[in-house]
Amino acid sequence: MNLKHLIDLIKYPIITDKATKLLELNQYTFAVDPKSNKLHIKKAIEYLFNVKVISVNTANPPAKQRRIGKFIGNKTQYKKAILTLATGNSINLFSEN
């Protein structure tokens, strides 16, 4: 896989209560492309942030229905990846501006 495809795999970091608690354990949560696998996710994070990834856990959350007036549809589907980094490595998700 070339570098352009690796960069496109990672969508955005997930910032929730559970995800911020995992930051203390040096684990980071990202929304990734649903078709990506663990090896590609690991390569993309190591390339983008220059860190050493120890493990990758993925989950496909269930689709949620949304209603706008009389129309019913589903929210866009995504895959969640929880990455454990080696000790001494970190990703700066919050800018100190």
PDB file of N, CA and C in Angstrom:
ATOM      1  N   MET A   1       0.835  -1.180   0.000  1.00  0.00           N
ATOM      2  CA  MET A   1       0.000   0.000   0.000  1.00  0.00           C
ATOM      3  C   MET A   1       0.883   1.247   0.000  1.00  0.00           C
ATOM      4  N   ASN A   2       0.561   2.225  -0.830  1.00  0.00           N
ATOM      5  CA  ASN A   2       1.393   3.423  -0.877  1.00  0.00           C
ATOM      6  C   ASN A   2       0.994   4.408   0.220  1.00  0.00           C
ATOM      7  N   LEU A   3       1.789   5.458   0.388  1.00  0.00           N
ATOM      8  CA  LEU A   3       1.621   6.377   1.507  1.00  0.00           C
ATOM      9  C   LEU A   3       0.323   7.172   1.436  1.00  0.00           C
ATOM     10  N   LYS A   4      -0.144   7.496   0.225  1.00  0.00           N
ATOM     11  CA  LYS A   4      -1.386   8.266   0.097  1.00  0.00           C
ATOM     12  C   LYS A   4      -2.567   7.479   0.649  1.00  0.00           C
ATOM     13  N   HIS A   5      -2.595   6.177   0.383  1.00  0.00           N
ATOM     14  CA  HIS A   5      -3.687   5.355   0.897  1.00  0.00           C
ATOM     15  C   HIS A   5      -3.589   5.194   2.410  1.00  0.00           C
ATOM     16  N   LEU A   6      -2.368   5.121   2.940  1.00  0.00           N
ATOM     17  CA  LEU A   6      -2.204   4.997   4.387  1.00  0.00           C
ATOM     18  C   LEU A   6      -2.715   6.239   5.104  1.00  0.00           C
ATOM     19  N   ILE A   7      -2.446   7.413   4.539  1.00  0.00           N
ATOM     20  CA  ILE A   7      -2.893   8.653   5.168  1.00  0.00           C
ATOM     21  C   ILE A   7      -4.421   8.740   5.158  1.00  0.00           C
ATOM     22  N   ASP A   8      -5.062   8.246   4.107  1.00  0.00           N
ATOM     23  CA  ASP A   8      -6.513   8.328   3.994  1.00  0.00           C
ATOM     24  C   ASP A   8      -7.244   7.347   4.909  1.00  0.00           C
ATOM     25  N   LEU A   9      -6.548   6.361   5.475  1.00  0.00           N
ATOM     26  CA  LEU A   9      -7.193   5.389   6.348  1.00  0.00           C
ATOM     27  C   LEU A   9      -7.666   6.018   7.655  1.00  0.00           C
ATOM     28  N   ILE A  10      -6.890   6.947   8.199  1.00  0.00           N
ATOM     29  CA  ILE A  10      -7.202   7.550   9.483  1.00  0.00           C
ATOM     30  C   ILE A  10      -8.121   8.746   9.260  1.00  0.00           C
ATOM     31  N   LYS A  11      -9.319   8.707   9.854  1.00  0.00           N
ATOM     32  CA  LYS A  11     -10.297   9.781   9.654  1.00  0.00           C
ATOM     33  C   LYS A  11     -10.103  10.897  10.677  1.00  0.00           C
ATOM     34  N   TYR A  12     -10.285  10.596  11.964  1.00  0.00           N
ATOM     35  CA  TYR A  12     -10.184  11.604  13.019  1.00  0.00           C
ATOM     36  C   TYR A  12     -10.054  10.890  14.366  1.00  0.00           C
ATOM     37  N   PRO A  13      -9.494  11.580  15.381  1.00  0.00           N
ATOM     38  CA  PRO A  13      -9.446  10.974  16.722  1.00  0.00           C
ATOM     39  C   PRO A  13     -10.821  11.037  17.379  1.00  0.00           C
ATOM     40  N   ILE A  14     -11.119  10.046  18.180  1.00  0.00           N
ATOM     41  CA  ILE A  14     -12.383  10.002  18.910  1.00  0.00           C
ATOM     42  C   ILE A  14     -12.123  10.527  20.319  1.00  0.00           C
ATOM     43  N   ILE A  15     -12.838  11.595  20.687  1.00  0.00           N
ATOM     44  CA  ILE A  15     -12.665  12.209  21.995  1.00  0.00           C
ATOM     45  C   ILE A  15     -13.962  12.020  22.783  1.00  0.00           C
ATOM     46  N   THR A  16     -14.008  10.990  23.612  1.00  0.00           N
ATOM     47  CA  THR A  16     -15.145  10.731  24.488  1.00  0.00           C
ATOM     48  C   THR A  16     -14.597  10.532  25.901  1.00  0.00           C
ATOM     49  N   ASP A  17     -15.485  10.323  26.850  1.00  0.00           N
ATOM     50  CA  ASP A  17     -15.046  10.098  28.229  1.00  0.00           C
ATOM     51  C   ASP A  17     -14.174   8.852  28.337  1.00  0.00           C
ATOM     52  N   LYS A  18     -14.606   7.786  27.713  1.00  0.00           N
ATOM     53  CA  LYS A  18     -13.843   6.550  27.776  1.00  0.00           C
ATOM     54  C   LYS A  18     -12.497   6.702  27.068  1.00  0.00           C
ATOM     55  N   ALA A  19     -12.491   7.394  25.944  1.00  0.00           N
ATOM     56  CA  ALA A  19     -11.249   7.577  25.187  1.00  0.00           C
ATOM     57  C   ALA A  19     -10.244   8.422  25.965  1.00  0.00           C
ATOM     58  N   THR A  20     -10.713   9.434  26.687  1.00  0.00           N
ATOM     59  CA  THR A  20      -9.786  10.254  27.469  1.00  0.00           C
ATOM     60  C   THR A  20      -9.250   9.497  28.680  1.00  0.00           C
ATOM     61  N   LYS A  21     -10.021   8.578  29.227  1.00  0.00           N
ATOM     62  CA  LYS A  21      -9.506   7.724  30.307  1.00  0.00           C
ATOM     63  C   LYS A  21      -8.435   6.773  29.783  1.00  0.00           C
ATOM     64  N   LEU A  22      -8.591   6.331  28.538  1.00  0.00           N
ATOM     65  CA  LEU A  22      -7.596   5.432  27.946  1.00  0.00           C
ATOM     66  C   LEU A  22      -6.273   6.144  27.655  1.00  0.00           C
ATOM     67  N   LEU A  23      -6.301   7.478  27.547  1.00  0.00           N
ATOM     68  CA  LEU A  23      -5.073   8.227  27.305  1.00  0.00           C
ATOM     69  C   LEU A  23      -4.085   8.043  28.447  1.00  0.00           C
ATOM     70  N   GLU A  24      -4.586   7.844  29.672  1.00  0.00           N
ATOM     71  CA  GLU A  24      -3.709   7.612  30.815  1.00  0.00           C
ATOM     72  C   GLU A  24      -2.965   6.292  30.691  1.00  0.00           C
ATOM     73  N   LEU A  25      -3.544   5.337  29.969  1.00  0.00           N
ATOM     74  CA  LEU A  25      -2.911   4.033  29.739  1.00  0.00           C
ATOM     75  C   LEU A  25      -2.104   4.003  28.450  1.00  0.00           C
ATOM     76  N   ASN A  26      -1.883   5.189  27.857  1.00  0.00           N
ATOM     77  CA  ASN A  26      -1.143   5.332  26.595  1.00  0.00           C
ATOM     78  C   ASN A  26      -1.861   4.621  25.445  1.00  0.00           C
ATOM     79  N   GLN A  27      -3.202   4.696  25.451  1.00  0.00           N
ATOM     80  CA  GLN A  27      -4.015   4.132  24.385  1.00  0.00           C
ATOM     81  C   GLN A  27      -4.793   5.266  23.724  1.00  0.00           C
ATOM     82  N   TYR A  28      -4.813   5.269  22.400  1.00  0.00           N
ATOM     83  CA  TYR A  28      -5.446   6.326  21.632  1.00  0.00           C
ATOM     84  C   TYR A  28      -6.528   5.724  20.746  1.00  0.00           C
ATOM     85  N   THR A  29      -7.617   6.455  20.557  1.00  0.00           N
ATOM     86  CA  THR A  29      -8.763   5.961  19.802  1.00  0.00           C
ATOM     87  C   THR A  29      -8.961   6.822  18.558  1.00  0.00           C
ATOM     88  N   PHE A  30      -9.081   6.156  17.408  1.00  0.00           N
ATOM     89  CA  PHE A  30      -9.271   6.843  16.140  1.00  0.00           C
ATOM     90  C   PHE A  30     -10.416   6.200  15.375  1.00  0.00           C
ATOM     91  N   ALA A  31     -11.130   7.007  14.585  1.00  0.00           N
ATOM     92  CA  ALA A  31     -12.085   6.491  13.608  1.00  0.00           C
ATOM     93  C   ALA A  31     -11.305   6.250  12.324  1.00  0.00           C
ATOM     94  N   VAL A  32     -11.447   5.063  11.767  1.00  0.00           N
ATOM     95  CA  VAL A  32     -10.691   4.684  10.579  1.00  0.00           C
ATOM     96  C   VAL A  32     -11.644   4.202   9.489  1.00  0.00           C
ATOM     97  N   ASP A  33     -11.090   3.985   8.320  1.00  0.00           N
ATOM     98  CA  ASP A  33     -11.867   3.484   7.187  1.00  0.00           C
ATOM     99  C   ASP A  33     -12.395   2.083   7.504  1.00  0.00           C
ATOM    100  N   PRO A  34     -13.677   1.805   7.276  1.00  0.00           N
ATOM    101  CA  PRO A  34     -14.230   0.488   7.615  1.00  0.00           C
ATOM    102  C   PRO A  34     -13.581  -0.679   6.879  1.00  0.00           C
ATOM    103  N   LYS A  35     -12.954  -0.435   5.733  1.00  0.00           N
ATOM    104  CA  LYS A  35     -12.349  -1.525   4.965  1.00  0.00           C
ATOM    105  C   LYS A  35     -10.892  -1.791   5.350  1.00  0.00           C
ATOM    106  N   SER A  36     -10.336  -1.002   6.263  1.00  0.00           N
ATOM    107  CA  SER A  36      -8.931  -1.160   6.627  1.00  0.00           C
ATOM    108  C   SER A  36      -8.760  -2.315   7.606  1.00  0.00           C
ATOM    109  N   ASN A  37      -7.544  -2.866   7.623  1.00  0.00           N
ATOM    110  CA  ASN A  37      -7.245  -3.922   8.572  1.00  0.00           C
ATOM    111  C   ASN A  37      -6.212  -3.435   9.586  1.00  0.00           C
ATOM    112  N   LYS A  38      -5.889  -4.277  10.561  1.00  0.00           N
ATOM    113  CA  LYS A  38      -5.027  -3.862  11.663  1.00  0.00           C
ATOM    114  C   LYS A  38      -3.611  -3.526  11.207  1.00  0.00           C
ATOM    115  N   LEU A  39      -3.088  -4.262  10.257  1.00  0.00           N
ATOM    116  CA  LEU A  39      -1.722  -3.997   9.792  1.00  0.00           C
ATOM    117  C   LEU A  39      -1.623  -2.649   9.096  1.00  0.00           C
ATOM    118  N   HIS A  40      -2.606  -2.311   8.282  1.00  0.00           N
ATOM    119  CA  HIS A  40      -2.594  -1.016   7.593  1.00  0.00           C
ATOM    120  C   HIS A  40      -2.790   0.131   8.573  1.00  0.00           C
ATOM    121  N   ILE A  41      -3.644  -0.067   9.580  1.00  0.00           N
ATOM    122  CA  ILE A  41      -3.850   0.969  10.589  1.00  0.00           C
ATOM    123  C   ILE A  41      -2.553   1.214  11.356  1.00  0.00           C
ATOM    124  N   LYS A  42      -1.866   0.150  11.723  1.00  0.00           N
ATOM    125  CA  LYS A  42      -0.604   0.273  12.453  1.00  0.00           C
ATOM    126  C   LYS A  42       0.436   1.025  11.626  1.00  0.00           C
ATOM    127  N   LYS A  43       0.573   0.675  10.352  1.00  0.00           N
ATOM    128  CA  LYS A  43       1.536   1.361   9.484  1.00  0.00           C
ATOM    129  C   LYS A  43       1.190   2.833   9.327  1.00  0.00           C
ATOM    130  N   ALA A  44      -0.099   3.148   9.196  1.00  0.00           N
ATOM    131  CA  ALA A  44      -0.513   4.536   8.999  1.00  0.00           C
ATOM    132  C   ALA A  44      -0.214   5.382  10.232  1.00  0.00           C
ATOM    133  N   ILE A  45      -0.515   4.882  11.424  1.00  0.00           N
ATOM    134  CA  ILE A  45      -0.261   5.644  12.653  1.00  0.00           C
ATOM    135  C   ILE A  45       1.237   5.812  12.872  1.00  0.00           C
ATOM    136  N   GLU A  46       2.007   4.765  12.626  1.00  0.00           N
ATOM    137  CA  GLU A  46       3.458   4.877  12.801  1.00  0.00           C
ATOM    138  C   GLU A  46       4.059   5.865  11.810  1.00  0.00           C
ATOM    139  N   TYR A  47       3.510   5.938  10.602  1.00  0.00           N
ATOM    140  CA  TYR A  47       4.014   6.883   9.602  1.00  0.00           C
ATOM    141  C   TYR A  47       3.598   8.321   9.918  1.00  0.00           C
ATOM    142  N   LEU A  48       2.323   8.515  10.286  1.00  0.00           N
ATOM    143  CA  LEU A  48       1.807   9.868  10.515  1.00  0.00           C
ATOM    144  C   LEU A  48       2.382  10.530  11.762  1.00  0.00           C
ATOM    145  N   PHE A  49       2.482   9.779  12.859  1.00  0.00           N
ATOM    146  CA  PHE A  49       2.845  10.376  14.139  1.00  0.00           C
ATOM    147  C   PHE A  49       4.246  10.002  14.609  1.00  0.00           C
ATOM    148  N   ASN A  50       4.955   9.158  13.860  1.00  0.00           N
ATOM    149  CA  ASN A  50       6.326   8.758  14.190  1.00  0.00           C
ATOM    150  C   ASN A  50       6.410   8.166  15.596  1.00  0.00           C
ATOM    151  N   VAL A  51       5.554   7.172  15.874  1.00  0.00           N
ATOM    152  CA  VAL A  51       5.511   6.485  17.159  1.00  0.00           C
ATOM    153  C   VAL A  51       5.587   4.984  16.919  1.00  0.00           C
ATOM    154  N   LYS A  52       5.797   4.220  17.988  1.00  0.00           N
ATOM    155  CA  LYS A  52       5.839   2.759  17.919  1.00  0.00           C
ATOM    156  C   LYS A  52       4.533   2.211  18.482  1.00  0.00           C
ATOM    157  N   VAL A  53       3.761   1.505  17.647  1.00  0.00           N
ATOM    158  CA  VAL A  53       2.484   0.931  18.044  1.00  0.00           C
ATOM    159  C   VAL A  53       2.708  -0.515  18.474  1.00  0.00           C
ATOM    160  N   ILE A  54       2.225  -0.846  19.681  1.00  0.00           N
ATOM    161  CA  ILE A  54       2.366  -2.216  20.188  1.00  0.00           C
ATOM    162  C   ILE A  54       1.208  -3.088  19.733  1.00  0.00           C
ATOM    163  N   SER A  55      -0.033  -2.581  19.908  1.00  0.00           N
ATOM    164  CA  SER A  55      -1.185  -3.394  19.519  1.00  0.00           C
ATOM    165  C   SER A  55      -2.295  -2.512  18.961  1.00  0.00           C
ATOM    166  N   VAL A  56      -3.142  -3.135  18.158  1.00  0.00           N
ATOM    167  CA  VAL A  56      -4.292  -2.461  17.542  1.00  0.00           C
ATOM    168  C   VAL A  56      -5.529  -3.309  17.810  1.00  0.00           C
ATOM    169  N   ASN A  57      -6.536  -2.698  18.430  1.00  0.00           N
ATOM    170  CA  ASN A  57      -7.826  -3.352  18.633  1.00  0.00           C
ATOM    171  C   ASN A  57      -8.862  -2.586  17.827  1.00  0.00           C
ATOM    172  N   THR A  58      -9.699  -3.308  17.089  1.00  0.00           N
ATOM    173  CA  THR A  58     -10.703  -2.649  16.254  1.00  0.00           C
ATOM    174  C   THR A  58     -12.100  -3.104  16.654  1.00  0.00           C
ATOM    175  N   ALA A  59     -13.072  -2.245  16.366  1.00  0.00           N
ATOM    176  CA  ALA A  59     -14.475  -2.559  16.629  1.00  0.00           C
ATOM    177  C   ALA A  59     -15.329  -1.866  15.592  1.00  0.00           C
ATOM    178  N   ASN A  60     -16.399  -2.529  15.183  1.00  0.00           N
ATOM    179  CA  ASN A  60     -17.389  -1.940  14.280  1.00  0.00           C
ATOM    180  C   ASN A  60     -18.642  -1.640  15.088  1.00  0.00           C
ATOM    181  N   PRO A  61     -18.839  -0.382  15.513  1.00  0.00           N
ATOM    182  CA  PRO A  61     -20.050  -0.060  16.279  1.00  0.00           C
ATOM    183  C   PRO A  61     -21.298  -0.255  15.420  1.00  0.00           C
ATOM    184  N   PRO A  62     -22.435  -0.582  16.047  1.00  0.00           N
ATOM    185  CA  PRO A  62     -23.651  -0.777  15.264  1.00  0.00           C
ATOM    186  C   PRO A  62     -24.136   0.530  14.638  1.00  0.00           C
ATOM    187  N   ALA A  63     -24.810   0.410  13.506  1.00  0.00           N
ATOM    188  CA  ALA A  63     -25.330   1.580  12.800  1.00  0.00           C
ATOM    189  C   ALA A  63     -26.481   2.184  13.592  1.00  0.00           C
ATOM    190  N   LYS A  64     -26.508   3.517  13.667  1.00  0.00           N
ATOM    191  CA  LYS A  64     -27.570   4.207  14.379  1.00  0.00           C
ATOM    192  C   LYS A  64     -28.526   4.837  13.378  1.00  0.00           C
ATOM    193  N   GLN A  65     -29.826   4.727  13.653  1.00  0.00           N
ATOM    194  CA  GLN A  65     -30.821   5.320  12.776  1.00  0.00           C
ATOM    195  C   GLN A  65     -31.052   6.776  13.144  1.00  0.00           C
ATOM    196  N   ARG A  66     -31.246   7.608  12.135  1.00  0.00           N
ATOM    197  CA  ARG A  66     -31.579   9.015  12.323  1.00  0.00           C
ATOM    198  C   ARG A  66     -32.821   9.328  11.505  1.00  0.00           C
ATOM    199  N   ARG A  67     -33.626  10.228  12.039  1.00  0.00           N
ATOM    200  CA  ARG A  67     -34.867  10.593  11.386  1.00  0.00           C
ATOM    201  C   ARG A  67     -34.874  12.097  11.138  1.00  0.00           C
ATOM    202  N   ILE A  68     -35.189  12.486   9.920  1.00  0.00           N
ATOM    203  CA  ILE A  68     -35.371  13.891   9.577  1.00  0.00           C
ATOM    204  C   ILE A  68     -36.766  13.995   8.960  1.00  0.00           C
ATOM    205  N   GLY A  69     -37.703  14.489   9.746  1.00  0.00           N
ATOM    206  CA  GLY A  69     -39.091  14.547   9.288  1.00  0.00           C
ATOM    207  C   GLY A  69     -39.653  13.151   9.128  1.00  0.00           C
ATOM    208  N   LYS A  70     -40.158  12.861   7.946  1.00  0.00           N
ATOM    209  CA  LYS A  70     -40.711  11.523   7.707  1.00  0.00           C
ATOM    210  C   LYS A  70     -39.683  10.561   7.138  1.00  0.00           C
ATOM    211  N   PHE A  71     -38.465  11.042   6.885  1.00  0.00           N
ATOM    212  CA  PHE A  71     -37.431  10.206   6.284  1.00  0.00           C
ATOM    213  C   PHE A  71     -36.556   9.567   7.357  1.00  0.00           C
ATOM    214  N   ILE A  72     -36.322   8.284   7.210  1.00  0.00           N
ATOM    215  CA  ILE A  72     -35.492   7.542   8.153  1.00  0.00           C
ATOM    216  C   ILE A  72     -34.260   7.046   7.407  1.00  0.00           C
ATOM    217  N   GLY A  73     -33.102   7.245   8.014  1.00  0.00           N
ATOM    218  CA  GLY A  73     -31.865   6.781   7.404  1.00  0.00           C
ATOM    219  C   GLY A  73     -30.880   6.372   8.482  1.00  0.00           C
ATOM    220  N   ASN A  74     -29.694   5.979   8.062  1.00  0.00           N
ATOM    221  CA  ASN A  74     -28.649   5.563   8.993  1.00  0.00           C
ATOM    222  C   ASN A  74     -27.505   6.555   8.977  1.00  0.00           C
ATOM    223  N   LYS A  75     -26.839   6.702  10.130  1.00  0.00           N
ATOM    224  CA  LYS A  75     -25.625   7.505  10.182  1.00  0.00           C
ATOM    225  C   LYS A  75     -24.529   6.759   9.431  1.00  0.00           C
ATOM    226  N   THR A  76     -23.518   7.488   8.988  1.00  0.00           N
ATOM    227  CA  THR A  76     -22.443   6.837   8.248  1.00  0.00           C
ATOM    228  C   THR A  76     -21.691   5.878   9.150  1.00  0.00           C
ATOM    229  N   GLN A  77     -21.349   4.749   8.603  1.00  0.00           N
ATOM    230  CA  GLN A  77     -20.675   3.692   9.351  1.00  0.00           C
ATOM    231  C   GLN A  77     -19.180   3.973   9.416  1.00  0.00           C
ATOM    232  N   TYR A  78     -18.566   3.693  10.553  1.00  0.00           N
ATOM    233  CA  TYR A  78     -17.130   3.850  10.708  1.00  0.00           C
ATOM    234  C   TYR A  78     -16.590   2.697  11.546  1.00  0.00           C
ATOM    235  N   LYS A  79     -15.297   2.535  11.543  1.00  0.00           N
ATOM    236  CA  LYS A  79     -14.620   1.531  12.346  1.00  0.00           C
ATOM    237  C   LYS A  79     -13.800   2.263  13.394  1.00  0.00           C
ATOM    238  N   LYS A  80     -13.810   1.754  14.619  1.00  0.00           N
ATOM    239  CA  LYS A  80     -13.070   2.373  15.711  1.00  0.00           C
ATOM    240  C   LYS A  80     -11.816   1.549  15.980  1.00  0.00           C
ATOM    241  N   ALA A  81     -10.667   2.213  16.073  1.00  0.00           N
ATOM    242  CA  ALA A  81      -9.405   1.537  16.354  1.00  0.00           C
ATOM    243  C   ALA A  81      -8.819   2.100  17.642  1.00  0.00           C
ATOM    244  N   ILE A  82      -8.487   1.206  18.579  1.00  0.00           N
ATOM    245  CA  ILE A  82      -7.834   1.594  19.829  1.00  0.00           C
ATOM    246  C   ILE A  82      -6.395   1.114  19.741  1.00  0.00           C
ATOM    247  N   LEU A  83      -5.454   2.063  19.799  1.00  0.00           N
ATOM    248  CA  LEU A  83      -4.038   1.769  19.606  1.00  0.00           C
ATOM    249  C   LEU A  83      -3.298   1.894  20.915  1.00  0.00           C
ATOM    250  N   THR A  84      -2.486   0.896  21.244  1.00  0.00           N
ATOM    251  CA  THR A  84      -1.625   0.963  22.407  1.00  0.00           C
ATOM    252  C   THR A  84      -0.224   1.288  21.928  1.00  0.00           C
ATOM    253  N   LEU A  85       0.352   2.368  22.479  1.00  0.00           N
ATOM    254  CA  LEU A  85       1.685   2.799  22.084  1.00  0.00           C
ATOM    255  C   LEU A  85       2.724   2.289  23.073  1.00  0.00           C
ATOM    256  N   ALA A  86       3.967   2.200  22.609  1.00  0.00           N
ATOM    257  CA  ALA A  86       5.079   1.798  23.467  1.00  0.00           C
ATOM    258  C   ALA A  86       5.318   2.889  24.511  1.00  0.00           C
ATOM    259  N   THR A  87       5.915   2.507  25.632  1.00  0.00           N
ATOM    260  CA  THR A  87       6.185   3.484  26.682  1.00  0.00           C
ATOM    261  C   THR A  87       7.175   4.518  26.156  1.00  0.00           C
ATOM    262  N   GLY A  88       6.940   5.754  26.518  1.00  0.00           N
ATOM    263  CA  GLY A  88       7.782   6.848  26.048  1.00  0.00           C
ATOM    264  C   GLY A  88       7.260   7.512  24.791  1.00  0.00           C
ATOM    265  N   ASN A  89       6.321   6.895  24.093  1.00  0.00           N
ATOM    266  CA  ASN A  89       5.723   7.475  22.893  1.00  0.00           C
ATOM    267  C   ASN A  89       4.386   8.111  23.254  1.00  0.00           C
ATOM    268  N   SER A  90       4.059   9.197  22.584  1.00  0.00           N
ATOM    269  CA  SER A  90       2.750   9.821  22.797  1.00  0.00           C
ATOM    270  C   SER A  90       2.364  10.592  21.533  1.00  0.00           C
ATOM    271  N   ILE A  91       1.066  10.826  21.414  1.00  0.00           N
ATOM    272  CA  ILE A  91       0.510  11.599  20.302  1.00  0.00           C
ATOM    273  C   ILE A  91      -0.134  12.829  20.913  1.00  0.00           C
ATOM    274  N   ASN A  92       0.188  14.006  20.398  1.00  0.00           N
ATOM    275  CA  ASN A  92      -0.377  15.249  20.906  1.00  0.00           C
ATOM    276  C   ASN A  92      -1.691  15.535  20.190  1.00  0.00           C
ATOM    277  N   LEU A  93      -2.812  15.180  20.832  1.00  0.00           N
ATOM    278  CA  LEU A  93      -4.129  15.403  20.233  1.00  0.00           C
ATOM    279  C   LEU A  93      -4.653  16.802  20.496  1.00  0.00           C
ATOM    280  N   PHE A  94      -4.238  17.410  21.599  1.00  0.00           N
ATOM    281  CA  PHE A  94      -4.738  18.720  21.995  1.00  0.00           C
ATOM    282  C   PHE A  94      -3.613  19.730  21.831  1.00  0.00           C
ATOM    283  N   SER A  95      -3.851  20.779  21.044  1.00  0.00           N
ATOM    284  CA  SER A  95      -2.823  21.799  20.856  1.00  0.00           C
ATOM    285  C   SER A  95      -2.805  22.742  22.056  1.00  0.00           C
ATOM    286  N   GLU A  96      -1.643  23.228  22.418  1.00  0.00           N
ATOM    287  CA  GLU A  96      -1.488  24.113  23.574  1.00  0.00           C
ATOM    288  C   GLU A  96      -1.461  25.576  23.157  1.00  0.00           C
ATOM    289  N   ASN A  97      -2.348  25.998  22.267  1.00  0.00           N
ATOM    290  CA  ASN A  97      -2.384  27.395  21.825  1.00  0.00           C
ATOM    291  C   ASN A  97      -3.229  28.230  22.734  1.00  0.00           C
TER     292      ASN A  97
END
